[in-house]
Amino acid sequence: MFWNKKQKLPVTIDDKEWIEEGLLFLRENFSAEHFDNLQTITPTKDFYNITFKGNEEDAEFILKRTMEIMIINDTEINLEFFSDQPVEMADGTILSTPADMNGSWKSAAGLYEEKNDEKTIYIERGQLKNTISLIATISHELSHLILLGENRIEENDEYLTDLTAIAYGFGIFIGNSRFQHSTFQNSTNFGWQMSKQGYLPEQIIAYSMAWLSKHRKESTDYKKYLNKTMEKYFTQSENYLKTEK
């Protein structure tokens, strides 16, 4: 009968085990009380009470507010900016990234650096135009501080870093920022770019969020905030987890 139909798991069994082991590792490392009391952060004034203008001051505000949400206290972090936007040459030619000039470029939304006892987060200027992506990037970079800067892990692990940001409640931002589409245009040229942000696939992000929702007994209306792809994977994950004891 249709109501007994086994719910489809949107991730592989190996991925499911990695997610759950990773989240349980974080729970043990942060303490169960701290981990269990974290909550989902929504793109609302409840968490980021500001009218965004897309400038550097917004990024400063988001960094400060996100540090408060992630309970990062008594730590000074420098915020710097770099550019990875299309370049217009004198003849009107559009170069999509600096890779077209030297053949080697790895695009990044943000970077975290510790040097000479100073902590710095670098933000790609294009992120200033997209508040959701900017919050996702800053939460990820702050997760580097929580894992590496506080000596919870010895070697950098970008996947675990993404999972940490999700555990701190930023799954909506990270999931909705996973794929981005942008266009550029001048008097003679028009083009578009598809870029990826973050490290975990949407299915893994969605399952992680659903697992946390069940574990923490949350009542957040996730579907209100997720894009269509993320909503599909989240619903599949949520339905699957309802069948697990």
Protein backbone atom coordinates (compact mmCIF):
# COMPACT_ATOMS: atom_id res chain seq x y z
CA MET A 1 0.00 0.00 0.00
CA PHE A 2 1.22 3.50 -0.83
CA TRP A 3 1.44 4.66 2.79
CA ASN A 4 3.83 1.82 3.57
CA LYS A 5 6.11 2.72 0.68
CA LYS A 6 9.70 3.07 1.85
CA GLN A 7 10.87 6.68 1.78
CA LYS A 8 13.74 7.46 -0.58
CA LEU A 9 17.04 8.54 0.96
CA PRO A 10 18.47 11.50 -1.04
CA VAL A 11 22.07 10.66 -0.08
CA THR A 12 24.11 7.47 -0.25
CA ILE A 13 24.42 5.22 2.78
CA ASP A 14 28.10 6.18 3.04
CA ASP A 15 27.17 9.87 2.97
CA LYS A 16 24.47 9.30 5.58
CA GLU A 17 26.99 7.66 7.88
CA TRP A 18 29.54 10.44 7.30
CA ILE A 19 26.96 13.15 8.10
CA GLU A 20 25.75 11.48 11.27
CA GLU A 21 29.24 10.59 12.48
CA GLY A 22 30.39 14.15 11.76
CA LEU A 23 27.50 15.74 13.64
CA LEU A 24 27.96 13.41 16.58
CA PHE A 25 31.68 14.23 16.59
CA LEU A 26 30.81 17.93 16.81
CA ARG A 27 28.24 17.25 19.55
CA GLU A 28 30.83 15.42 21.62
CA ASN A 29 33.50 18.04 20.92
CA PHE A 30 31.35 21.08 21.69
CA SER A 31 29.47 19.38 24.57
CA ALA A 32 25.98 17.97 24.22
CA GLU A 33 24.37 20.91 26.00
CA HIS A 34 25.94 23.51 23.70
CA PHE A 35 25.31 21.50 20.52
CA ASP A 36 21.69 20.66 21.37
CA ASN A 37 20.82 24.28 22.17
CA LEU A 38 21.97 25.65 18.81
CA GLN A 39 19.12 26.68 16.53
CA THR A 40 18.44 27.20 12.84
CA ILE A 41 19.20 30.74 11.68
CA THR A 42 16.68 32.21 9.24
CA PRO A 43 17.14 35.10 6.77
CA THR A 44 14.92 37.40 8.83
CA LYS A 45 15.20 40.49 11.01
CA ASP A 46 15.07 38.15 14.01
CA PHE A 47 18.75 37.39 13.41
CA TYR A 48 20.08 40.15 11.12
CA ASN A 49 18.17 43.31 11.97
CA ILE A 50 19.57 45.69 9.36
CA THR A 51 18.65 47.09 5.95
CA PHE A 52 21.45 45.83 3.71
CA LYS A 53 23.03 48.20 1.18
CA GLY A 54 25.62 45.86 -0.30
CA ASN A 55 28.69 47.62 1.05
CA GLU A 56 31.66 46.83 3.27
CA GLU A 57 29.86 48.14 6.34
CA ASP A 58 27.26 45.41 5.81
CA ALA A 59 30.01 42.81 5.83
CA GLU A 60 31.41 44.25 9.05
CA PHE A 61 27.95 44.06 10.63
CA ILE A 62 27.40 40.48 9.43
CA LEU A 63 30.80 39.40 10.78
CA LYS A 64 30.08 40.91 14.20
CA ARG A 65 26.53 39.56 14.35
CA THR A 66 27.53 36.08 13.14
CA MET A 67 30.26 35.92 15.77
CA GLU A 68 27.60 36.69 18.39
CA ILE A 69 25.34 33.95 17.04
CA MET A 70 28.21 31.44 16.99
CA ILE A 71 29.25 32.54 20.50
CA ILE A 72 32.77 33.57 19.44
CA ASN A 73 33.84 35.93 22.20
CA ASP A 74 37.02 37.81 23.11
CA THR A 75 38.43 37.33 19.62
CA GLU A 76 39.50 40.04 17.18
CA ILE A 77 39.14 39.24 13.49
CA ASN A 78 40.29 41.48 10.65
CA LEU A 79 38.06 41.70 7.58
CA GLU A 80 39.69 42.24 4.18
CA PHE A 81 38.31 42.21 0.63
CA PHE A 82 39.52 40.98 -2.75
CA SER A 83 37.98 40.90 -6.23
CA ASP A 84 37.19 37.98 -8.53
CA GLN A 85 34.82 39.72 -10.93
CA PRO A 86 34.77 39.85 -14.76
CA VAL A 87 37.45 42.21 -16.11
CA GLU A 88 36.78 44.53 -19.06
CA MET A 89 39.84 45.09 -21.27
CA ALA A 90 40.54 48.29 -23.24
CA ASP A 91 39.18 46.75 -26.46
CA GLY A 92 35.88 45.82 -24.77
CA THR A 93 36.76 42.15 -24.30
CA ILE A 94 35.38 40.57 -21.13
CA LEU A 95 37.62 38.25 -19.15
CA SER A 96 35.50 36.05 -16.92
CA THR A 97 38.18 35.76 -14.20
CA PRO A 98 41.92 36.40 -13.89
CA ALA A 99 42.37 32.80 -15.09
CA ASP A 100 42.01 34.10 -18.64
CA MET A 101 45.13 36.20 -18.14
CA ASN A 102 47.49 33.72 -16.52
CA GLY A 103 45.79 30.34 -16.84
CA SER A 104 45.67 29.59 -13.15
CA TRP A 105 43.11 30.90 -10.72
CA LYS A 106 41.03 29.27 -8.06
CA SER A 107 37.93 31.28 -7.35
CA ALA A 108 36.95 31.61 -3.70
CA ALA A 109 34.08 33.34 -1.95
CA GLY A 110 36.14 33.79 1.19
CA LEU A 111 39.33 32.77 2.96
CA TYR A 112 40.42 32.37 6.58
CA GLU A 113 43.99 33.05 7.66
CA GLU A 114 45.91 32.95 10.93
CA LYS A 115 49.30 34.60 10.78
CA ASN A 116 51.50 36.08 13.50
CA ASP A 117 48.68 35.67 16.02
CA GLU A 118 46.32 37.68 13.80
CA LYS A 119 43.10 36.24 12.40
CA THR A 120 41.82 37.54 9.08
CA ILE A 121 38.79 36.72 6.96
CA TYR A 122 39.00 37.69 3.29
CA ILE A 123 35.74 38.26 1.40
CA GLU A 124 35.36 38.38 -2.38
CA ARG A 125 33.70 41.71 -3.21
CA GLY A 126 31.01 40.10 -5.34
CA GLN A 127 29.63 38.59 -2.13
CA LEU A 128 28.58 42.06 -0.99
CA LYS A 129 25.79 42.00 -3.60
CA ASN A 130 24.24 38.82 -2.19
CA THR A 131 23.49 38.92 1.52
CA ILE A 132 22.56 35.21 1.71
CA SER A 133 25.88 34.19 0.15
CA LEU A 134 27.80 36.65 2.31
CA ILE A 135 26.33 35.19 5.50
CA ALA A 136 27.05 31.66 4.25
CA THR A 137 30.66 32.59 3.50
CA ILE A 138 31.29 34.29 6.84
CA SER A 139 29.70 31.43 8.81
CA HIS A 140 31.97 28.99 6.96
CA GLU A 141 35.11 31.05 7.59
CA LEU A 142 34.23 31.43 11.27
CA SER A 143 33.84 27.66 11.43
CA HIS A 144 37.52 27.45 10.46
CA LEU A 145 38.26 29.46 13.58
CA ILE A 146 36.13 27.14 15.72
CA LEU A 147 37.79 24.00 14.35
CA LEU A 148 41.38 25.01 13.56
CA GLY A 149 41.79 28.17 15.58
CA GLU A 150 40.54 26.48 18.75
CA ASN A 151 42.58 23.32 18.04
CA ARG A 152 39.62 20.97 17.66
CA ILE A 153 41.19 19.44 14.55
CA GLU A 154 44.84 19.33 13.45
CA GLU A 155 44.41 19.56 9.67
CA ASN A 156 42.03 21.65 7.60
CA ASP A 157 38.87 19.82 6.52
CA GLU A 158 36.61 21.93 4.31
CA TYR A 159 33.76 19.40 4.37
CA LEU A 160 33.70 19.27 8.15
CA THR A 161 33.94 23.07 8.18
CA ASP A 162 30.78 23.34 6.07
CA LEU A 163 29.10 20.79 8.35
CA THR A 164 30.11 22.86 11.38
CA ALA A 165 28.45 25.97 9.93
CA ILE A 166 25.32 23.89 9.30
CA ALA A 167 25.42 22.59 12.88
CA TYR A 168 25.54 26.21 14.04
CA GLY A 169 22.30 26.80 12.17
CA PHE A 170 23.41 28.26 8.83
CA GLY A 171 22.16 25.46 6.56
CA ILE A 172 19.55 27.65 4.85
CA PHE A 173 22.20 30.14 3.80
CA ILE A 174 24.74 27.51 2.74
CA GLY A 175 22.18 25.43 0.84
CA ASN A 176 20.62 28.37 -1.00
CA SER A 177 24.09 29.64 -1.96
CA ARG A 178 25.37 26.33 -3.33
CA PHE A 179 24.85 27.32 -6.96
CA GLN A 180 24.79 30.90 -8.22
CA HIS A 181 24.01 32.33 -11.63
CA SER A 182 25.19 35.80 -12.67
CA THR A 183 25.33 37.87 -15.85
CA PHE A 184 27.54 40.68 -17.11
CA GLN A 185 27.07 43.18 -19.92
CA ASN A 186 28.73 46.18 -21.54
CA SER A 187 28.25 48.05 -24.82
CA THR A 188 29.55 45.18 -26.94
CA ASN A 189 29.39 42.01 -24.87
CA PHE A 190 26.96 40.01 -22.79
CA GLY A 191 27.58 36.78 -20.93
CA TRP A 192 26.70 34.65 -17.95
CA GLN A 193 28.52 32.61 -15.33
CA MET A 194 27.51 29.69 -13.16
CA SER A 195 29.53 29.38 -9.98
CA LYS A 196 29.58 26.99 -7.05
CA GLN A 197 29.99 28.05 -3.44
CA GLY A 198 30.84 25.79 -0.56
CA TYR A 199 31.95 22.17 -0.54
CA LEU A 200 29.02 19.93 0.36
CA PRO A 201 26.39 18.91 -2.23
CA GLU A 202 22.83 20.16 -1.73
CA GLN A 203 21.60 16.65 -0.80
CA ILE A 204 24.10 16.41 2.05
CA ILE A 205 23.29 19.91 3.28
CA ALA A 206 19.57 19.11 3.25
CA TYR A 207 19.97 15.77 5.05
CA SER A 208 22.20 17.39 7.68
CA MET A 209 19.56 20.05 8.30
CA ALA A 210 16.78 17.48 8.54
CA TRP A 211 18.81 15.34 10.96
CA LEU A 212 19.50 18.36 13.16
CA SER A 213 15.85 19.39 13.01
CA LYS A 214 14.77 15.97 14.23
CA HIS A 215 17.51 15.73 16.86
CA ARG A 216 16.80 19.20 18.26
CA LYS A 217 13.01 18.87 17.88
CA GLU A 218 12.83 22.14 15.97
CA SER A 219 9.67 23.66 14.54
CA THR A 220 11.26 25.96 11.94
CA ASP A 221 9.28 26.25 8.70
CA TYR A 222 12.28 25.39 6.55
CA LYS A 223 10.28 25.22 3.32
CA LYS A 224 9.46 28.90 3.71
CA TYR A 225 13.11 29.81 3.22
CA LEU A 226 14.66 27.09 1.02
CA ASN A 227 14.94 27.28 -2.77
CA LYS A 228 13.10 24.62 -4.78
CA THR A 229 16.00 22.19 -5.07
CA MET A 230 16.90 22.41 -1.40
CA GLU A 231 13.25 22.11 -0.42
CA LYS A 232 12.93 18.89 -2.44
CA TYR A 233 15.97 17.28 -0.81
CA PHE A 234 14.99 18.52 2.65
CA THR A 235 11.48 17.05 2.31
CA GLN A 236 12.90 13.71 1.15
CA SER A 237 15.31 13.70 4.09
CA GLU A 238 12.62 14.69 6.57
CA ASN A 239 10.24 11.98 5.33
CA TYR A 240 13.01 9.36 5.44
CA LEU A 241 13.99 10.28 9.00
CA LYS A 242 10.38 10.01 10.14
CA THR A 243 10.55 6.30 9.28
CA GLU A 244 13.70 5.77 11.37
CA LYS A 245 13.34 4.81 15.00
